[in-house]
PDB file of all heavy atoms in Angstrom:
ATOM      1  N   ASN A   1     -12.970   4.332   6.542  1.00  0.00           N
ATOM      2  CA  ASN A   1     -11.648   4.504   6.810  1.00  0.00           C
ATOM      3  C   ASN A   1     -10.925   4.479   5.390  1.00  0.00           C
ATOM      4  O   ASN A   1     -11.552   4.173   4.453  1.00  0.00           O
ATOM      5  CB  ASN A   1     -11.010   3.474   7.734  1.00  0.00           C
ATOM      6  CG  ASN A   1      -9.944   3.987   8.481  1.00  0.00           C
ATOM      7  OD1 ASN A   1      -8.878   4.542   7.919  1.00  0.00           O
ATOM      8  ND2 ASN A   1      -9.950   3.947   9.887  1.00  0.00           N
ATOM      9  N   SER A   2      -9.529   4.559   5.471  1.00  0.00           N
ATOM     10  CA  SER A   2      -8.778   4.359   4.130  1.00  0.00           C
ATOM     11  C   SER A   2      -7.691   3.389   4.564  1.00  0.00           C
ATOM     12  O   SER A   2      -7.036   3.686   5.528  1.00  0.00           O
ATOM     13  CB  SER A   2      -8.264   5.751   3.675  1.00  0.00           C
ATOM     14  OG  SER A   2      -9.302   6.531   3.243  1.00  0.00           O
ATOM     15  N   ILE A   3      -7.414   2.493   3.601  1.00  0.00           N
ATOM     16  CA  ILE A   3      -6.276   1.531   3.686  1.00  0.00           C
ATOM     17  C   ILE A   3      -5.052   1.930   2.808  1.00  0.00           C
ATOM     18  O   ILE A   3      -5.379   2.172   1.622  1.00  0.00           O
ATOM     19  CB  ILE A   3      -6.637   0.128   3.324  1.00  0.00           C
ATOM     20  CG1 ILE A   3      -7.743  -0.369   4.385  1.00  0.00           C
ATOM     21  CG2 ILE A   3      -5.463  -0.734   3.468  1.00  0.00           C
ATOM     22  CD1 ILE A   3      -7.324  -0.432   5.820  1.00  0.00           C
ATOM     23  N   TYR A   4      -4.031   2.354   3.356  1.00  0.00           N
ATOM     24  CA  TYR A   4      -2.932   2.769   2.583  1.00  0.00           C
ATOM     25  C   TYR A   4      -1.979   1.671   2.405  1.00  0.00           C
ATOM     26  O   TYR A   4      -1.517   1.027   3.349  1.00  0.00           O
ATOM     27  CB  TYR A   4      -2.228   3.883   3.215  1.00  0.00           C
ATOM     28  CG  TYR A   4      -3.034   5.227   3.468  1.00  0.00           C
ATOM     29  CD1 TYR A   4      -3.850   5.305   4.500  1.00  0.00           C
ATOM     30  CD2 TYR A   4      -3.042   6.276   2.416  1.00  0.00           C
ATOM     31  CE1 TYR A   4      -4.545   6.431   4.718  1.00  0.00           C
ATOM     32  CE2 TYR A   4      -3.724   7.293   2.650  1.00  0.00           C
ATOM     33  CZ  TYR A   4      -4.551   7.494   3.752  1.00  0.00           C
ATOM     34  OH  TYR A   4      -5.279   8.597   3.937  1.00  0.00           O
ATOM     35  N   GLY A   5      -1.612   1.204   1.081  1.00  0.00           N
ATOM     36  CA  GLY A   5      -0.726   0.242   0.859  1.00  0.00           C
ATOM     37  C   GLY A   5       0.679   0.653   0.381  1.00  0.00           C
ATOM     38  O   GLY A   5       0.599   1.732  -0.263  1.00  0.00           O
ATOM     39  N   GLN A   6       1.710   0.091   0.668  1.00  0.00           N
ATOM     40  CA  GLN A   6       3.002   0.435   0.168  1.00  0.00           C
ATOM     41  C   GLN A   6       3.737  -0.885  -0.325  1.00  0.00           C
ATOM     42  O   GLN A   6       4.068  -1.780   0.391  1.00  0.00           O
ATOM     43  CB  GLN A   6       3.788   1.086   1.377  1.00  0.00           C
ATOM     44  CG  GLN A   6       5.151   1.705   0.945  1.00  0.00           C
ATOM     45  CD  GLN A   6       5.842   2.396   2.032  1.00  0.00           C
ATOM     46  OE1 GLN A   6       6.464   1.859   2.913  1.00  0.00           O
ATOM     47  NE2 GLN A   6       5.808   3.698   2.015  1.00  0.00           N
ATOM     48  N   PHE A   7       3.983  -0.822  -1.598  1.00  0.00           N
ATOM     49  CA  PHE A   7       4.665  -1.928  -2.214  1.00  0.00           C
ATOM     50  C   PHE A   7       6.118  -1.484  -2.531  1.00  0.00           C
ATOM     51  O   PHE A   7       6.309  -0.559  -3.395  1.00  0.00           O
ATOM     52  CB  PHE A   7       3.958  -2.269  -3.468  1.00  0.00           C
ATOM     53  CG  PHE A   7       2.650  -2.883  -3.380  1.00  0.00           C
ATOM     54  CD1 PHE A   7       1.488  -1.961  -3.035  1.00  0.00           C
ATOM     55  CD2 PHE A   7       2.275  -4.147  -3.543  1.00  0.00           C
ATOM     56  CE1 PHE A   7       0.302  -2.463  -2.883  1.00  0.00           C
ATOM     57  CE2 PHE A   7       1.032  -4.670  -3.404  1.00  0.00           C
ATOM     58  CZ  PHE A   7       0.060  -3.916  -2.959  1.00  0.00           C
ATOM     59  N   SER A   8       7.058  -2.185  -1.863  1.00  0.00           N
ATOM     60  CA  SER A   8       8.452  -1.558  -2.116  1.00  0.00           C
ATOM     61  C   SER A   8       9.352  -2.635  -2.502  1.00  0.00           C
ATOM     62  O   SER A   8       9.111  -3.803  -2.252  1.00  0.00           O
ATOM     63  CB  SER A   8       8.918  -1.017  -0.691  1.00  0.00           C
ATOM     64  OG  SER A   8       8.811  -1.972   0.387  1.00  0.00           O
ATOM     65  N   ASP A   9      10.486  -2.324  -3.194  1.00  0.00           N
ATOM     66  CA  ASP A   9      11.429  -3.218  -3.754  1.00  0.00           C
ATOM     67  C   ASP A   9      12.202  -3.928  -2.580  1.00  0.00           C
ATOM     68  O   ASP A   9      12.781  -3.230  -1.607  1.00  0.00           O
ATOM     69  CB  ASP A   9      12.473  -2.327  -4.519  1.00  0.00           C
ATOM     70  CG  ASP A   9      13.483  -3.290  -5.369  1.00  0.00           C
ATOM     71  OD1 ASP A   9      13.643  -4.567  -5.020  1.00  0.00           O
ATOM     72  OD2 ASP A   9      13.952  -2.686  -6.290  1.00  0.00           O
ATOM     73  N   SER A  10      12.084  -5.142  -2.439  1.00  0.00           N
ATOM     74  CA  SER A  10      12.667  -5.904  -1.276  1.00  0.00           C
ATOM     75  C   SER A  10      14.069  -6.490  -1.506  1.00  0.00           C
ATOM     76  O   SER A  10      14.553  -7.252  -0.658  1.00  0.00           O
ATOM     77  CB  SER A  10      11.689  -7.081  -0.933  1.00  0.00           C
ATOM     78  OG  SER A  10      11.562  -8.006  -1.794  1.00  0.00           O
ATOM     79  N   ARG A  11      14.668  -6.088  -2.736  1.00  0.00           N
ATOM     80  CA  ARG A  11      15.949  -6.679  -2.961  1.00  0.00           C
ATOM     81  C   ARG A  11      16.888  -6.011  -1.901  1.00  0.00           C
ATOM     82  O   ARG A  11      16.704  -4.741  -1.648  1.00  0.00           O
ATOM     83  CB  ARG A  11      16.432  -6.338  -4.306  1.00  0.00           C
ATOM     84  CG  ARG A  11      15.624  -7.115  -5.415  1.00  0.00           C
ATOM     85  CD  ARG A  11      16.117  -6.622  -6.797  1.00  0.00           C
ATOM     86  NE  ARG A  11      15.731  -5.314  -7.077  1.00  0.00           N
ATOM     87  CZ  ARG A  11      16.250  -4.616  -8.127  1.00  0.00           C
ATOM     88  NH1 ARG A  11      17.095  -5.203  -8.899  1.00  0.00           N
ATOM     89  NH2 ARG A  11      15.909  -3.319  -8.287  1.00  0.00           N
ATOM     90  N   ALA A  12      17.924  -6.714  -1.545  1.00  0.00           N
ATOM     91  CA  ALA A  12      18.955  -6.233  -0.522  1.00  0.00           C
ATOM     92  C   ALA A  12      19.825  -5.160  -1.329  1.00  0.00           C
ATOM     93  O   ALA A  12      20.518  -5.496  -2.182  1.00  0.00           O
ATOM     94  CB  ALA A  12      19.676  -7.295   0.102  1.00  0.00           C
ATOM     95  N   THR A  13      19.753  -3.910  -0.832  1.00  0.00           N
ATOM     96  CA  THR A  13      20.548  -2.827  -1.437  1.00  0.00           C
ATOM     97  C   THR A  13      20.828  -2.899  -2.858  1.00  0.00           C
ATOM     98  O   THR A  13      21.796  -3.038  -3.401  1.00  0.00           O
ATOM     99  CB  THR A  13      22.122  -2.917  -0.752  1.00  0.00           C
ATOM    100  OG1 THR A  13      22.646  -4.136  -1.066  1.00  0.00           O
ATOM    101  CG2 THR A  13      21.900  -2.774   0.819  1.00  0.00           C
ATOM    102  N   PRO A  14      19.718  -2.766  -3.592  1.00  0.00           N
ATOM    103  CA  PRO A  14      19.697  -2.730  -5.098  1.00  0.00           C
ATOM    104  C   PRO A  14      20.334  -1.492  -5.569  1.00  0.00           C
ATOM    105  O   PRO A  14      20.299  -0.402  -5.107  1.00  0.00           O
ATOM    106  CB  PRO A  14      18.193  -2.734  -5.521  1.00  0.00           C
ATOM    107  CG  PRO A  14      17.478  -2.148  -4.375  1.00  0.00           C
ATOM    108  CD  PRO A  14      18.222  -2.579  -3.149  1.00  0.00           C
ATOM    109  N   SER A  15      21.197  -1.645  -6.697  1.00  0.00           N
ATOM    110  CA  SER A  15      21.928  -0.495  -7.234  1.00  0.00           C
ATOM    111  C   SER A  15      20.925   0.453  -7.929  1.00  0.00           C
ATOM    112  O   SER A  15      21.156   1.506  -8.101  1.00  0.00           O
ATOM    113  CB  SER A  15      22.959  -1.024  -8.200  1.00  0.00           C
ATOM    114  OG  SER A  15      22.361  -1.919  -9.268  1.00  0.00           O
ATOM    115  N   ASN A  16      19.859  -0.104  -8.365  1.00  0.00           N
ATOM    116  CA  ASN A  16      18.800   0.776  -9.014  1.00  0.00           C
ATOM    117  C   ASN A  16      17.512   0.303  -8.587  1.00  0.00           C
ATOM    118  O   ASN A  16      16.720  -0.368  -9.153  1.00  0.00           O
ATOM    119  CB  ASN A  16      18.873   0.632 -10.562  1.00  0.00           C
ATOM    120  CG  ASN A  16      17.936   1.516 -11.276  1.00  0.00           C
ATOM    121  OD1 ASN A  16      17.381   2.584 -10.697  1.00  0.00           O
ATOM    122  ND2 ASN A  16      17.599   1.282 -12.565  1.00  0.00           N
ATOM    123  N   PRO A  17      16.967   0.789  -7.251  1.00  0.00           N
ATOM    124  CA  PRO A  17      15.750   0.204  -6.749  1.00  0.00           C
ATOM    125  C   PRO A  17      14.451   0.671  -7.481  1.00  0.00           C
ATOM    126  O   PRO A  17      14.417   1.881  -8.096  1.00  0.00           O
ATOM    127  CB  PRO A  17      15.771   0.815  -5.397  1.00  0.00           C
ATOM    128  CG  PRO A  17      16.551   2.040  -5.411  1.00  0.00           C
ATOM    129  CD  PRO A  17      17.655   1.715  -6.492  1.00  0.00           C
ATOM    130  N   ALA A  18      13.453  -0.110  -7.609  1.00  0.00           N
ATOM    131  CA  ALA A  18      12.132   0.373  -8.041  1.00  0.00           C
ATOM    132  C   ALA A  18      11.611   1.307  -7.179  1.00  0.00           C
ATOM    133  O   ALA A  18      11.674   1.392  -6.050  1.00  0.00           O
ATOM    134  CB  ALA A  18      11.333  -0.915  -8.353  1.00  0.00           C
ATOM    135  N   THR A  19      10.939   2.282  -7.817  1.00  0.00           N
ATOM    136  CA  THR A  19      10.196   3.363  -6.949  1.00  0.00           C
ATOM    137  C   THR A  19       8.986   2.658  -6.244  1.00  0.00           C
ATOM    138  O   THR A  19       8.178   1.915  -6.872  1.00  0.00           O
ATOM    139  CB  THR A  19       9.640   4.456  -8.023  1.00  0.00           C
ATOM    140  OG1 THR A  19      10.716   5.070  -8.642  1.00  0.00           O
ATOM    141  CG2 THR A  19       8.913   5.438  -7.206  1.00  0.00           C
ATOM    142  N   ALA A  20       8.840   2.810  -5.001  1.00  0.00           N
ATOM    143  CA  ALA A  20       7.792   2.247  -4.180  1.00  0.00           C
ATOM    144  C   ALA A  20       6.443   2.808  -4.791  1.00  0.00           C
ATOM    145  O   ALA A  20       6.424   3.934  -5.280  1.00  0.00           O
ATOM    146  CB  ALA A  20       7.992   2.627  -2.638  1.00  0.00           C
ATOM    147  N   LEU A  21       5.506   1.847  -4.703  1.00  0.00           N
ATOM    148  CA  LEU A  21       4.160   2.126  -5.194  1.00  0.00           C
ATOM    149  C   LEU A  21       3.174   2.312  -3.920  1.00  0.00           C
ATOM    150  O   LEU A  21       3.223   1.402  -3.066  1.00  0.00           O
ATOM    151  CB  LEU A  21       3.820   1.032  -6.114  1.00  0.00           C
ATOM    152  CG  LEU A  21       2.190   1.185  -6.576  1.00  0.00           C
ATOM    153  CD1 LEU A  21       2.238   2.313  -7.779  1.00  0.00           C
ATOM    154  CD2 LEU A  21       1.715  -0.172  -7.226  1.00  0.00           C
ATOM    155  N   ASN A  22       2.486   3.304  -3.881  1.00  0.00           N
ATOM    156  CA  ASN A  22       1.582   3.651  -2.872  1.00  0.00           C
ATOM    157  C   ASN A  22       0.174   3.617  -3.282  1.00  0.00           C
ATOM    158  O   ASN A  22      -0.156   4.107  -4.481  1.00  0.00           O
ATOM    159  CB  ASN A  22       1.801   5.014  -2.217  1.00  0.00           C
ATOM    160  CG  ASN A  22       3.126   5.104  -1.438  1.00  0.00           C
ATOM    161  OD1 ASN A  22       3.421   4.083  -0.709  1.00  0.00           O
ATOM    162  ND2 ASN A  22       3.781   6.118  -1.575  1.00  0.00           N
ATOM    163  N   THR A  23      -0.736   2.854  -2.670  1.00  0.00           N
ATOM    164  CA  THR A  23      -2.151   2.720  -3.045  1.00  0.00           C
ATOM    165  C   THR A  23      -3.004   3.157  -1.986  1.00  0.00           C
ATOM    166  O   THR A  23      -2.683   3.322  -0.843  1.00  0.00           O
ATOM    167  CB  THR A  23      -2.426   1.204  -3.253  1.00  0.00           C
ATOM    168  OG1 THR A  23      -2.337   0.424  -2.093  1.00  0.00           O
ATOM    169  CG2 THR A  23      -1.577   0.651  -4.331  1.00  0.00           C
ATOM    170  N   LEU A  24      -4.177   3.639  -2.316  1.00  0.00           N
ATOM    171  CA  LEU A  24      -5.235   4.068  -1.351  1.00  0.00           C
ATOM    172  C   LEU A  24      -6.531   3.518  -1.588  1.00  0.00           C
ATOM    173  O   LEU A  24      -7.087   3.482  -2.771  1.00  0.00           O
ATOM    174  CB  LEU A  24      -5.324   5.587  -1.447  1.00  0.00           C
ATOM    175  CG  LEU A  24      -6.514   6.246  -0.647  1.00  0.00           C
ATOM    176  CD1 LEU A  24      -6.294   6.032   0.856  1.00  0.00           C
ATOM    177  CD2 LEU A  24      -6.525   7.729  -0.920  1.00  0.00           C
ATOM    178  N   THR A  25      -7.154   2.619  -0.745  1.00  0.00           N
ATOM    179  CA  THR A  25      -8.348   1.973  -0.913  1.00  0.00           C
ATOM    180  C   THR A  25      -9.383   2.319   0.170  1.00  0.00           C
ATOM    181  O   THR A  25      -9.015   2.110   1.253  1.00  0.00           O
ATOM    182  CB  THR A  25      -8.100   0.383  -0.888  1.00  0.00           C
ATOM    183  OG1 THR A  25      -7.131   0.102  -1.807  1.00  0.00           O
ATOM    184  CG2 THR A  25      -9.445  -0.338  -1.317  1.00  0.00           C
ATOM    185  N   PRO A  26     -10.551   2.733  -0.112  1.00  0.00           N
ATOM    186  CA  PRO A  26     -11.629   2.958   0.861  1.00  0.00           C
ATOM    187  C   PRO A  26     -11.995   1.666   1.579  1.00  0.00           C
ATOM    188  O   PRO A  26     -12.158   0.679   0.983  1.00  0.00           O
ATOM    189  CB  PRO A  26     -12.695   3.646   0.130  1.00  0.00           C
ATOM    190  CG  PRO A  26     -12.209   4.036  -1.258  1.00  0.00           C
ATOM    191  CD  PRO A  26     -11.040   3.089  -1.499  1.00  0.00           C
ATOM    192  N   LEU A  27     -12.169   1.870   2.845  1.00  0.00           N
ATOM    193  CA  LEU A  27     -12.593   0.683   3.663  1.00  0.00           C
ATOM    194  C   LEU A  27     -13.874   1.237   4.463  1.00  0.00           C
ATOM    195  O   LEU A  27     -13.838   2.214   5.148  1.00  0.00           O
ATOM    196  CB  LEU A  27     -11.472   0.161   4.729  1.00  0.00           C
ATOM    197  CG  LEU A  27     -12.006  -0.632   5.890  1.00  0.00           C
ATOM    198  CD1 LEU A  27     -12.291  -1.934   5.291  1.00  0.00           C
ATOM    199  CD2 LEU A  27     -10.922  -0.760   6.898  1.00  0.00           C
ATOM    200  N   THR A  28     -14.992   0.351   4.170  1.00  0.00           N
ATOM    201  CA  THR A  28     -16.205   0.767   4.836  1.00  0.00           C
ATOM    202  C   THR A  28     -16.821  -0.481   5.553  1.00  0.00           C
ATOM    203  O   THR A  28     -16.743  -1.501   5.068  1.00  0.00           O
ATOM    204  CB  THR A  28     -17.219   1.264   3.772  1.00  0.00           C
ATOM    205  OG1 THR A  28     -16.662   2.333   2.992  1.00  0.00           O
ATOM    206  CG2 THR A  28     -18.449   1.714   4.419  1.00  0.00           C
ATOM    207  N   VAL A  29     -17.300  -0.136   6.798  1.00  0.00           N
ATOM    208  CA  VAL A  29     -18.049  -1.115   7.581  1.00  0.00           C
ATOM    209  C   VAL A  29     -19.380  -0.611   7.653  1.00  0.00           C
ATOM    210  O   VAL A  29     -19.796   0.383   8.242  1.00  0.00           O
ATOM    211  CB  VAL A  29     -17.492  -1.296   8.938  1.00  0.00           C
ATOM    212  CG1 VAL A  29     -18.269  -2.417   9.848  1.00  0.00           C
ATOM    213  CG2 VAL A  29     -15.899  -1.622   8.929  1.00  0.00           C
ATOM    214  N   GLU A  30     -20.371  -1.501   7.159  1.00  0.00           N
ATOM    215  CA  GLU A  30     -21.814  -1.025   7.212  1.00  0.00           C
ATOM    216  C   GLU A  30     -22.603  -1.919   8.259  1.00  0.00           C
ATOM    217  O   GLU A  30     -22.577  -3.134   7.993  1.00  0.00           O
ATOM    218  CB  GLU A  30     -22.515  -1.305   5.765  1.00  0.00           C
ATOM    219  CG  GLU A  30     -21.922  -0.476   4.750  1.00  0.00           C
ATOM    220  CD  GLU A  30     -22.567   0.861   4.765  1.00  0.00           C
ATOM    221  OE1 GLU A  30     -23.441   1.142   5.635  1.00  0.00           O
ATOM    222  OE2 GLU A  30     -22.087   1.749   3.877  1.00  0.00           O
ATOM    223  N   VAL A  31     -23.012  -1.215   9.277  1.00  0.00           N
ATOM    224  CA  VAL A  31     -23.693  -1.951  10.382  1.00  0.00           C
ATOM    225  C   VAL A  31     -25.238  -1.677  10.240  1.00  0.00           C
ATOM    226  O   VAL A  31     -25.625  -0.524  10.387  1.00  0.00           O
ATOM    227  CB  VAL A  31     -23.237  -1.715  11.814  1.00  0.00           C
ATOM    228  CG1 VAL A  31     -23.958  -2.483  12.818  1.00  0.00           C
ATOM    229  CG2 VAL A  31     -21.620  -1.777  11.839  1.00  0.00           C
ATOM    230  N   ALA A  32     -26.034  -2.766  10.040  1.00  0.00           N
ATOM    231  CA  ALA A  32     -27.437  -2.542   9.770  1.00  0.00           C
ATOM    232  C   ALA A  32     -28.141  -2.337  11.275  1.00  0.00           C
ATOM    233  O   ALA A  32     -27.584  -2.548  12.248  1.00  0.00           O
ATOM    234  CB  ALA A  32     -28.061  -3.884   9.191  1.00  0.00           C
ATOM    235  N   ASP A  33     -29.351  -1.712  11.139  1.00  0.00           N
ATOM    236  CA  ASP A  33     -30.191  -1.546  12.378  1.00  0.00           C
ATOM    237  C   ASP A  33     -30.842  -2.937  12.609  1.00  0.00           C
ATOM    238  O   ASP A  33     -31.790  -3.331  12.052  1.00  0.00           O
ATOM    239  CB  ASP A  33     -31.210  -0.508  11.984  1.00  0.00           C
ATOM    240  CG  ASP A  33     -32.171  -0.200  13.198  1.00  0.00           C
ATOM    241  OD1 ASP A  33     -31.954  -0.697  14.345  1.00  0.00           O
ATOM    242  OD2 ASP A  33     -33.079   0.536  13.157  1.00  0.00           O
TER     243      ASP A  33
END
């Protein structure tokens, strides 16, 4: 699967908000026999 992260400026109504940052991380579950 893939985990999508979103880091966003949490200030209340900022006059110049920071651009939100999006991340993508592979998620793997390995199940043995």
